[in-house]
Amino acid sequence: MIYVLINAINTFFQILVYLIIGRAILSWFVRAPYGNLYRIYAAIMQITEPMLAPCRNLLGRFGLNTMIDFSPILAIIGLTAINNLVIRLLIMIF
């Protein structure tokens, strides 16, 4: 039972990481708000923005607002840390 839960949590966090990577890659190509690709990009933006906005604010506090957005990297590091923490807590509980 615990292995199914751990696998589901890992899969959830992997999907979030892949969506952040997909958003970063699509941001290079999507410019006009029309077409099927923009609809996909807009959906990914709605899913990932709650994770990226706090990272962007944190980087802004340290004066790291540059032309290159490093918030996806920070979000991926944070999601990986949260994933590991949750899994370790589950292993300790069960």
PDB file of N, CA and C in Angstrom:
ATOM      1  N   MET A   1       0.813  -1.196   0.000  1.00  0.00           N
ATOM      2  CA  MET A   1       0.000   0.000   0.000  1.00  0.00           C
ATOM      3  C   MET A   1       0.860   1.266   0.000  1.00  0.00           C
ATOM      4  N   ILE A   2       1.886   1.269   0.846  1.00  0.00           N
ATOM      5  CA  ILE A   2       2.732   2.451   0.950  1.00  0.00           C
ATOM      6  C   ILE A   2       3.498   2.692  -0.352  1.00  0.00           C
ATOM      7  N   TYR A   3       3.854   1.623  -1.038  1.00  0.00           N
ATOM      8  CA  TYR A   3       4.598   1.775  -2.288  1.00  0.00           C
ATOM      9  C   TYR A   3       3.736   2.409  -3.378  1.00  0.00           C
ATOM     10  N   VAL A   4       2.458   2.112  -3.367  1.00  0.00           N
ATOM     11  CA  VAL A   4       1.537   2.716  -4.337  1.00  0.00           C
ATOM     12  C   VAL A   4       1.420   4.212  -4.056  1.00  0.00           C
ATOM     13  N   LEU A   5       1.325   4.576  -2.793  1.00  0.00           N
ATOM     14  CA  LEU A   5       1.226   5.986  -2.421  1.00  0.00           C
ATOM     15  C   LEU A   5       2.506   6.743  -2.767  1.00  0.00           C
ATOM     16  N   ILE A   6       3.638   6.150  -2.473  1.00  0.00           N
ATOM     17  CA  ILE A   6       4.923   6.784  -2.808  1.00  0.00           C
ATOM     18  C   ILE A   6       5.068   6.941  -4.317  1.00  0.00           C
ATOM     19  N   ASN A   7       4.663   5.931  -5.063  1.00  0.00           N
ATOM     20  CA  ASN A   7       4.730   6.001  -6.519  1.00  0.00           C
ATOM     21  C   ASN A   7       3.806   7.093  -7.055  1.00  0.00           C
ATOM     22  N   ALA A   8       2.616   7.227  -6.484  1.00  0.00           N
ATOM     23  CA  ALA A   8       1.688   8.274  -6.921  1.00  0.00           C
ATOM     24  C   ALA A   8       2.244   9.664  -6.625  1.00  0.00           C
ATOM     25  N   ILE A   9       2.854   9.833  -5.467  1.00  0.00           N
ATOM     26  CA  ILE A   9       3.441  11.132  -5.111  1.00  0.00           C
ATOM     27  C   ILE A   9       4.605  11.457  -6.040  1.00  0.00           C
ATOM     28  N   ASN A  10       5.461  10.478  -6.304  1.00  0.00           N
ATOM     29  CA  ASN A  10       6.572  10.691  -7.244  1.00  0.00           C
ATOM     30  C   ASN A  10       6.068  11.076  -8.619  1.00  0.00           C
ATOM     31  N   THR A  11       5.051  10.389  -9.092  1.00  0.00           N
ATOM     32  CA  THR A  11       4.491  10.681 -10.416  1.00  0.00           C
ATOM     33  C   THR A  11       3.915  12.090 -10.458  1.00  0.00           C
ATOM     34  N   PHE A  12       3.207  12.484  -9.407  1.00  0.00           N
ATOM     35  CA  PHE A  12       2.634  13.827  -9.345  1.00  0.00           C
ATOM     36  C   PHE A  12       3.721  14.902  -9.446  1.00  0.00           C
ATOM     37  N   PHE A  13       4.776  14.752  -8.666  1.00  0.00           N
ATOM     38  CA  PHE A  13       5.845  15.753  -8.689  1.00  0.00           C
ATOM     39  C   PHE A  13       6.617  15.722 -10.012  1.00  0.00           C
ATOM     40  N   GLN A  14       6.772  14.552 -10.612  1.00  0.00           N
ATOM     41  CA  GLN A  14       7.436  14.476 -11.918  1.00  0.00           C
ATOM     42  C   GLN A  14       6.614  15.193 -12.976  1.00  0.00           C
ATOM     43  N   ILE A  15       5.304  15.049 -12.927  1.00  0.00           N
ATOM     44  CA  ILE A  15       4.447  15.746 -13.889  1.00  0.00           C
ATOM     45  C   ILE A  15       4.585  17.254 -13.721  1.00  0.00           C
ATOM     46  N   LEU A  16       4.619  17.726 -12.475  1.00  0.00           N
ATOM     47  CA  LEU A  16       4.798  19.164 -12.245  1.00  0.00           C
ATOM     48  C   LEU A  16       6.133  19.661 -12.791  1.00  0.00           C
ATOM     49  N   VAL A  17       7.189  18.886 -12.581  1.00  0.00           N
ATOM     50  CA  VAL A  17       8.508  19.270 -13.101  1.00  0.00           C
ATOM     51  C   VAL A  17       8.489  19.302 -14.624  1.00  0.00           C
ATOM     52  N   TYR A  18       7.869  18.308 -15.244  1.00  0.00           N
ATOM     53  CA  TYR A  18       7.794  18.286 -16.709  1.00  0.00           C
ATOM     54  C   TYR A  18       6.965  19.454 -17.241  1.00  0.00           C
ATOM     55  N   LEU A  19       5.916  19.835 -16.530  1.00  0.00           N
ATOM     56  CA  LEU A  19       5.123  20.989 -16.960  1.00  0.00           C
ATOM     57  C   LEU A  19       5.932  22.281 -16.867  1.00  0.00           C
ATOM     58  N   ILE A  20       6.743  22.419 -15.837  1.00  0.00           N
ATOM     59  CA  ILE A  20       7.592  23.613 -15.715  1.00  0.00           C
ATOM     60  C   ILE A  20       8.622  23.647 -16.842  1.00  0.00           C
ATOM     61  N   ILE A  21       9.224  22.510 -17.135  1.00  0.00           N
ATOM     62  CA  ILE A  21      10.192  22.445 -18.240  1.00  0.00           C
ATOM     63  C   ILE A  21       9.497  22.740 -19.562  1.00  0.00           C
ATOM     64  N   GLY A  22       8.310  22.178 -19.747  1.00  0.00           N
ATOM     65  CA  GLY A  22       7.543  22.443 -20.977  1.00  0.00           C
ATOM     66  C   GLY A  22       7.184  23.901 -21.115  1.00  0.00           C
ATOM     67  N   ARG A  23       6.822  24.530 -20.011  1.00  0.00           N
ATOM     68  CA  ARG A  23       6.506  25.963 -20.057  1.00  0.00           C
ATOM     69  C   ARG A  23       7.728  26.770 -20.456  1.00  0.00           C
ATOM     70  N   ALA A  24       8.877  26.436 -19.912  1.00  0.00           N
ATOM     71  CA  ALA A  24      10.097  27.171 -20.239  1.00  0.00           C
ATOM     72  C   ALA A  24      10.436  27.022 -21.724  1.00  0.00           C
ATOM     73  N   ILE A  25      10.285  25.830 -22.242  1.00  0.00           N
ATOM     74  CA  ILE A  25      10.601  25.603 -23.663  1.00  0.00           C
ATOM     75  C   ILE A  25       9.574  26.280 -24.557  1.00  0.00           C
ATOM     76  N   LEU A  26       8.290  26.151 -24.223  1.00  0.00           N
ATOM     77  CA  LEU A  26       7.257  26.778 -25.045  1.00  0.00           C
ATOM     78  C   LEU A  26       7.345  28.298 -25.019  1.00  0.00           C
ATOM     79  N   SER A  27       7.861  28.874 -23.952  1.00  0.00           N
ATOM     80  CA  SER A  27       7.965  30.331 -23.885  1.00  0.00           C
ATOM     81  C   SER A  27       8.911  30.886 -24.946  1.00  0.00           C
ATOM     82  N   TRP A  28       9.794  30.065 -25.449  1.00  0.00           N
ATOM     83  CA  TRP A  28      10.686  30.509 -26.521  1.00  0.00           C
ATOM     84  C   TRP A  28       9.971  30.593 -27.865  1.00  0.00           C
ATOM     85  N   PHE A  29       8.905  29.816 -28.038  1.00  0.00           N
ATOM     86  CA  PHE A  29       8.277  29.696 -29.345  1.00  0.00           C
ATOM     87  C   PHE A  29       6.911  30.368 -29.446  1.00  0.00           C
ATOM     88  N   VAL A  30       6.164  30.443 -28.381  1.00  0.00           N
ATOM     89  CA  VAL A  30       4.810  30.978 -28.425  1.00  0.00           C
ATOM     90  C   VAL A  30       4.869  32.475 -28.186  1.00  0.00           C
ATOM     91  N   ARG A  31       4.399  33.239 -29.135  1.00  0.00           N
ATOM     92  CA  ARG A  31       4.396  34.695 -29.006  1.00  0.00           C
ATOM     93  C   ARG A  31       3.003  35.285 -29.225  1.00  0.00           C
ATOM     94  N   ALA A  32       2.244  34.752 -30.143  1.00  0.00           N
ATOM     95  CA  ALA A  32       0.948  35.322 -30.485  1.00  0.00           C
ATOM     96  C   ALA A  32      -0.166  34.558 -29.756  1.00  0.00           C
ATOM     97  N   PRO A  33      -1.153  35.281 -29.247  1.00  0.00           N
ATOM     98  CA  PRO A  33      -2.226  34.614 -28.498  1.00  0.00           C
ATOM     99  C   PRO A  33      -3.297  33.997 -29.393  1.00  0.00           C
ATOM    100  N   TYR A  34      -2.908  33.143 -30.266  1.00  0.00           N
ATOM    101  CA  TYR A  34      -3.870  32.421 -31.083  1.00  0.00           C
ATOM    102  C   TYR A  34      -3.256  31.085 -31.487  1.00  0.00           C
ATOM    103  N   GLY A  35      -4.089  30.191 -31.881  1.00  0.00           N
ATOM    104  CA  GLY A  35      -3.627  28.883 -32.330  1.00  0.00           C
ATOM    105  C   GLY A  35      -3.676  27.847 -31.227  1.00  0.00           C
ATOM    106  N   ASN A  36      -3.498  26.606 -31.634  1.00  0.00           N
ATOM    107  CA  ASN A  36      -3.568  25.491 -30.699  1.00  0.00           C
ATOM    108  C   ASN A  36      -2.397  25.466 -29.723  1.00  0.00           C
ATOM    109  N   LEU A  37      -1.221  25.842 -30.179  1.00  0.00           N
ATOM    110  CA  LEU A  37      -0.054  25.826 -29.314  1.00  0.00           C
ATOM    111  C   LEU A  37      -0.198  26.835 -28.173  1.00  0.00           C
ATOM    112  N   TYR A  38      -0.822  27.971 -28.465  1.00  0.00           N
ATOM    113  CA  TYR A  38      -1.031  28.963 -27.410  1.00  0.00           C
ATOM    114  C   TYR A  38      -2.013  28.456 -26.364  1.00  0.00           C
ATOM    115  N   ARG A  39      -3.022  27.708 -26.784  1.00  0.00           N
ATOM    116  CA  ARG A  39      -3.985  27.153 -25.824  1.00  0.00           C
ATOM    117  C   ARG A  39      -3.294  26.191 -24.865  1.00  0.00           C
ATOM    118  N   ILE A  40      -2.405  25.376 -25.387  1.00  0.00           N
ATOM    119  CA  ILE A  40      -1.639  24.456 -24.540  1.00  0.00           C
ATOM    120  C   ILE A  40      -0.746  25.242 -23.596  1.00  0.00           C
ATOM    121  N   TYR A  41      -0.080  26.254 -24.133  1.00  0.00           N
ATOM    122  CA  TYR A  41       0.808  27.091 -23.321  1.00  0.00           C
ATOM    123  C   TYR A  41       0.023  27.811 -22.229  1.00  0.00           C
ATOM    124  N   ALA A  42      -1.159  28.316 -22.545  1.00  0.00           N
ATOM    125  CA  ALA A  42      -1.977  29.019 -21.551  1.00  0.00           C
ATOM    126  C   ALA A  42      -2.420  28.065 -20.439  1.00  0.00           C
ATOM    127  N   ALA A  43      -2.764  26.839 -20.794  1.00  0.00           N
ATOM    128  CA  ALA A  43      -3.159  25.853 -19.785  1.00  0.00           C
ATOM    129  C   ALA A  43      -1.984  25.515 -18.870  1.00  0.00           C
ATOM    130  N   ILE A  44      -0.809  25.334 -19.460  1.00  0.00           N
ATOM    131  CA  ILE A  44       0.388  25.044 -18.663  1.00  0.00           C
ATOM    132  C   ILE A  44       0.729  26.237 -17.771  1.00  0.00           C
ATOM    133  N   MET A  45       0.531  27.456 -18.277  1.00  0.00           N
ATOM    134  CA  MET A  45       0.802  28.643 -17.471  1.00  0.00           C
ATOM    135  C   MET A  45      -0.119  28.698 -16.254  1.00  0.00           C
ATOM    136  N   GLN A  46      -1.390  28.362 -16.430  1.00  0.00           N
ATOM    137  CA  GLN A  46      -2.328  28.390 -15.310  1.00  0.00           C
ATOM    138  C   GLN A  46      -1.963  27.365 -14.248  1.00  0.00           C
ATOM    139  N   ILE A  47      -1.420  26.240 -14.665  1.00  0.00           N
ATOM    140  CA  ILE A  47      -1.048  25.194 -13.712  1.00  0.00           C
ATOM    141  C   ILE A  47       0.243  25.553 -12.981  1.00  0.00           C
ATOM    142  N   THR A  48       1.220  26.089 -13.693  1.00  0.00           N
ATOM    143  CA  THR A  48       2.547  26.292 -13.111  1.00  0.00           C
ATOM    144  C   THR A  48       2.757  27.660 -12.477  1.00  0.00           C
ATOM    145  N   GLU A  49       1.938  28.634 -12.788  1.00  0.00           N
ATOM    146  CA  GLU A  49       2.163  29.986 -12.253  1.00  0.00           C
ATOM    147  C   GLU A  49       2.110  30.054 -10.724  1.00  0.00           C
ATOM    148  N   PRO A  50       1.225  29.305 -10.050  1.00  0.00           N
ATOM    149  CA  PRO A  50       1.264  29.348  -8.578  1.00  0.00           C
ATOM    150  C   PRO A  50       2.576  28.841  -7.980  1.00  0.00           C
ATOM    151  N   MET A  51       3.327  28.053  -8.713  1.00  0.00           N
ATOM    152  CA  MET A  51       4.629  27.587  -8.226  1.00  0.00           C
ATOM    153  C   MET A  51       5.752  28.543  -8.608  1.00  0.00           C
ATOM    154  N   LEU A  52       5.621  29.189  -9.751  1.00  0.00           N
ATOM    155  CA  LEU A  52       6.695  30.045 -10.242  1.00  0.00           C
ATOM    156  C   LEU A  52       6.644  31.469  -9.687  1.00  0.00           C
ATOM    157  N   ALA A  53       5.464  31.982  -9.386  1.00  0.00           N
ATOM    158  CA  ALA A  53       5.344  33.360  -8.905  1.00  0.00           C
ATOM    159  C   ALA A  53       6.094  33.578  -7.578  1.00  0.00           C
ATOM    160  N   PRO A  54       5.955  32.692  -6.582  1.00  0.00           N
ATOM    161  CA  PRO A  54       6.741  32.906  -5.352  1.00  0.00           C
ATOM    162  C   PRO A  54       8.251  32.825  -5.595  1.00  0.00           C
ATOM    163  N   CYS A  55       8.660  31.962  -6.506  1.00  0.00           N
ATOM    164  CA  CYS A  55      10.094  31.864  -6.820  1.00  0.00           C
ATOM    165  C   CYS A  55      10.579  33.137  -7.491  1.00  0.00           C
ATOM    166  N   ARG A  56       9.756  33.700  -8.366  1.00  0.00           N
ATOM    167  CA  ARG A  56      10.109  34.954  -9.021  1.00  0.00           C
ATOM    168  C   ARG A  56      10.216  36.092  -8.010  1.00  0.00           C
ATOM    169  N   ASN A  57       9.279  36.119  -7.043  1.00  0.00           N
ATOM    170  CA  ASN A  57       9.337  37.151  -5.997  1.00  0.00           C
ATOM    171  C   ASN A  57      10.565  36.984  -5.122  1.00  0.00           C
ATOM    172  N   LEU A  58      10.909  35.750  -4.791  1.00  0.00           N
ATOM    173  CA  LEU A  58      12.097  35.491  -3.979  1.00  0.00           C
ATOM    174  C   LEU A  58      13.367  35.927  -4.694  1.00  0.00           C
ATOM    175  N   LEU A  59      13.462  35.622  -5.978  1.00  0.00           N
ATOM    176  CA  LEU A  59      14.626  36.050  -6.744  1.00  0.00           C
ATOM    177  C   LEU A  59      14.677  37.568  -6.867  1.00  0.00           C
ATOM    178  N   GLY A  60      13.516  38.206  -6.957  1.00  0.00           N
ATOM    179  CA  GLY A  60      13.466  39.663  -7.038  1.00  0.00           C
ATOM    180  C   GLY A  60      13.950  40.327  -5.766  1.00  0.00           C
ATOM    181  N   ARG A  61      13.712  39.702  -4.622  1.00  0.00           N
ATOM    182  CA  ARG A  61      14.180  40.267  -3.355  1.00  0.00           C
ATOM    183  C   ARG A  61      15.700  40.293  -3.267  1.00  0.00           C
ATOM    184  N   PHE A  62      16.326  39.344  -3.929  1.00  0.00           N
ATOM    185  CA  PHE A  62      17.785  39.292  -3.930  1.00  0.00           C
ATOM    186  C   PHE A  62      18.392  40.037  -5.118  1.00  0.00           C
ATOM    187  N   GLY A  63      17.553  40.722  -5.881  1.00  0.00           N
ATOM    188  CA  GLY A  63      18.044  41.509  -7.000  1.00  0.00           C
ATOM    189  C   GLY A  63      18.449  40.674  -8.200  1.00  0.00           C
ATOM    190  N   LEU A  64      17.840  39.525  -8.350  1.00  0.00           N
ATOM    191  CA  LEU A  64      18.196  38.643  -9.459  1.00  0.00           C
ATOM    192  C   LEU A  64      17.159  38.678 -10.575  1.00  0.00           C
ATOM    193  N   ASN A  65      16.520  39.828 -10.771  1.00  0.00           N
ATOM    194  CA  ASN A  65      15.604  39.996 -11.895  1.00  0.00           C
ATOM    195  C   ASN A  65      16.428  40.318 -13.136  1.00  0.00           C
ATOM    196  N   THR A  66      16.602  39.348 -13.971  1.00  0.00           N
ATOM    197  CA  THR A  66      17.397  39.537 -15.180  1.00  0.00           C
ATOM    198  C   THR A  66      16.542  39.204 -16.389  1.00  0.00           C
ATOM    199  N   MET A  67      17.137  39.291 -17.546  1.00  0.00           N
ATOM    200  CA  MET A  67      16.429  38.931 -18.774  1.00  0.00           C
ATOM    201  C   MET A  67      16.128  37.432 -18.821  1.00  0.00           C
ATOM    202  N   ILE A  68      16.935  36.653 -18.159  1.00  0.00           N
ATOM    203  CA  ILE A  68      16.717  35.208 -18.093  1.00  0.00           C
ATOM    204  C   ILE A  68      15.984  34.904 -16.801  1.00  0.00           C
ATOM    205  N   ASP A  69      14.880  34.177 -16.914  1.00  0.00           N
ATOM    206  CA  ASP A  69      14.062  33.851 -15.749  1.00  0.00           C
ATOM    207  C   ASP A  69      14.578  32.556 -15.116  1.00  0.00           C
ATOM    208  N   PHE A  70      15.131  32.690 -13.926  1.00  0.00           N
ATOM    209  CA  PHE A  70      15.664  31.526 -13.216  1.00  0.00           C
ATOM    210  C   PHE A  70      14.638  30.894 -12.271  1.00  0.00           C
ATOM    211  N   SER A  71      13.424  31.401 -12.253  1.00  0.00           N
ATOM    212  CA  SER A  71      12.416  30.864 -11.346  1.00  0.00           C
ATOM    213  C   SER A  71      12.048  29.401 -11.651  1.00  0.00           C
ATOM    214  N   PRO A  72      12.053  28.939 -12.911  1.00  0.00           N
ATOM    215  CA  PRO A  72      11.790  27.504 -13.124  1.00  0.00           C
ATOM    216  C   PRO A  72      12.840  26.602 -12.462  1.00  0.00           C
ATOM    217  N   ILE A  73      14.084  27.031 -12.480  1.00  0.00           N
ATOM    218  CA  ILE A  73      15.133  26.229 -11.843  1.00  0.00           C
ATOM    219  C   ILE A  73      14.904  26.160 -10.341  1.00  0.00           C
ATOM    220  N   LEU A  74      14.603  27.308  -9.744  1.00  0.00           N
ATOM    221  CA  LEU A  74      14.343  27.345  -8.309  1.00  0.00           C
ATOM    222  C   LEU A  74      13.102  26.530  -7.950  1.00  0.00           C
ATOM    223  N   ALA A  75      12.071  26.597  -8.787  1.00  0.00           N
ATOM    224  CA  ALA A  75      10.846  25.825  -8.528  1.00  0.00           C
ATOM    225  C   ALA A  75      11.103  24.328  -8.628  1.00  0.00           C
ATOM    226  N   ILE A  76      11.903  23.913  -9.587  1.00  0.00           N
ATOM    227  CA  ILE A  76      12.214  22.485  -9.731  1.00  0.00           C
ATOM    228  C   ILE A  76      13.022  22.001  -8.531  1.00  0.00           C
ATOM    229  N   ILE A  77      13.968  22.797  -8.072  1.00  0.00           N
ATOM    230  CA  ILE A  77      14.743  22.420  -6.882  1.00  0.00           C
ATOM    231  C   ILE A  77      13.814  22.318  -5.672  1.00  0.00           C
ATOM    232  N   GLY A  78      12.913  23.276  -5.526  1.00  0.00           N
ATOM    233  CA  GLY A  78      11.971  23.256  -4.412  1.00  0.00           C
ATOM    234  C   GLY A  78      11.020  22.073  -4.466  1.00  0.00           C
ATOM    235  N   LEU A  79      10.495  21.775  -5.654  1.00  0.00           N
ATOM    236  CA  LEU A  79       9.588  20.628  -5.798  1.00  0.00           C
ATOM    237  C   LEU A  79      10.303  19.314  -5.504  1.00  0.00           C
ATOM    238  N   THR A  80      11.544  19.212  -5.928  1.00  0.00           N
ATOM    239  CA  THR A  80      12.313  17.997  -5.650  1.00  0.00           C
ATOM    240  C   THR A  80      12.545  17.842  -4.151  1.00  0.00           C
ATOM    241  N   ALA A  81      12.850  18.939  -3.477  1.00  0.00           N
ATOM    242  CA  ALA A  81      13.065  18.887  -2.032  1.00  0.00           C
ATOM    243  C   ALA A  81      11.772  18.519  -1.301  1.00  0.00           C
ATOM    244  N   ILE A  82      10.654  19.103  -1.714  1.00  0.00           N
ATOM    245  CA  ILE A  82       9.372  18.770  -1.091  1.00  0.00           C
ATOM    246  C   ILE A  82       9.008  17.321  -1.340  1.00  0.00           C
ATOM    247  N   ASN A  83       9.239  16.841  -2.559  1.00  0.00           N
ATOM    248  CA  ASN A  83       8.970  15.445  -2.893  1.00  0.00           C
ATOM    249  C   ASN A  83       9.768  14.507  -1.988  1.00  0.00           C
ATOM    250  N   ASN A  84      11.056  14.772  -1.852  1.00  0.00           N
ATOM    251  CA  ASN A  84      11.893  13.930  -0.993  1.00  0.00           C
ATOM    252  C   ASN A  84      11.445  13.993   0.467  1.00  0.00           C
ATOM    253  N   LEU A  85      11.075  15.173   0.938  1.00  0.00           N
ATOM    254  CA  LEU A  85      10.625  15.329   2.316  1.00  0.00           C
ATOM    255  C   LEU A  85       9.336  14.540   2.571  1.00  0.00           C
ATOM    256  N   VAL A  86       8.382  14.651   1.676  1.00  0.00           N
ATOM    257  CA  VAL A  86       7.110  13.940   1.843  1.00  0.00           C
ATOM    258  C   VAL A  86       7.329  12.433   1.830  1.00  0.00           C
ATOM    259  N   ILE A  87       8.157  11.960   0.933  1.00  0.00           N
ATOM    260  CA  ILE A  87       8.396  10.516   0.851  1.00  0.00           C
ATOM    261  C   ILE A  87       9.114  10.017   2.100  1.00  0.00           C
ATOM    262  N   ARG A  88      10.086  10.769   2.583  1.00  0.00           N
ATOM    263  CA  ARG A  88      10.788  10.346   3.808  1.00  0.00           C
ATOM    264  C   ARG A  88       9.848  10.340   5.008  1.00  0.00           C
ATOM    265  N   LEU A  89       8.948  11.313   5.085  1.00  0.00           N
ATOM    266  CA  LEU A  89       7.971  11.333   6.175  1.00  0.00           C
ATOM    267  C   LEU A  89       7.030  10.136   6.091  1.00  0.00           C
ATOM    268  N   LEU A  90       6.605   9.793   4.893  1.00  0.00           N
ATOM    269  CA  LEU A  90       5.733   8.635   4.728  1.00  0.00           C
ATOM    270  C   LEU A  90       6.451   7.341   5.131  1.00  0.00           C
ATOM    271  N   ILE A  91       7.696   7.242   4.759  1.00  0.00           N
ATOM    272  CA  ILE A  91       8.457   6.031   5.124  1.00  0.00           C
ATOM    273  C   ILE A  91       8.627   5.946   6.639  1.00  0.00           C
ATOM    274  N   MET A  92       8.854   7.101   7.283  1.00  0.00           N
ATOM    275  CA  MET A  92       9.010   7.083   8.740  1.00  0.00           C
ATOM    276  C   MET A  92       7.694   6.736   9.438  1.00  0.00           C
ATOM    277  N   ILE A  93       6.575   7.219   8.901  1.00  0.00           N
ATOM    278  CA  ILE A  93       5.280   6.963   9.529  1.00  0.00           C
ATOM    279  C   ILE A  93       4.880   5.501   9.381  1.00  0.00           C
ATOM    280  N   PHE A  94       5.070   4.967   8.193  1.00  0.00           N
ATOM    281  CA  PHE A  94       4.660   3.586   7.951  1.00  0.00           C
ATOM    282  C   PHE A  94       5.858   2.696   8.162  1.00  0.00           C
TER     283      PHE A  94
END
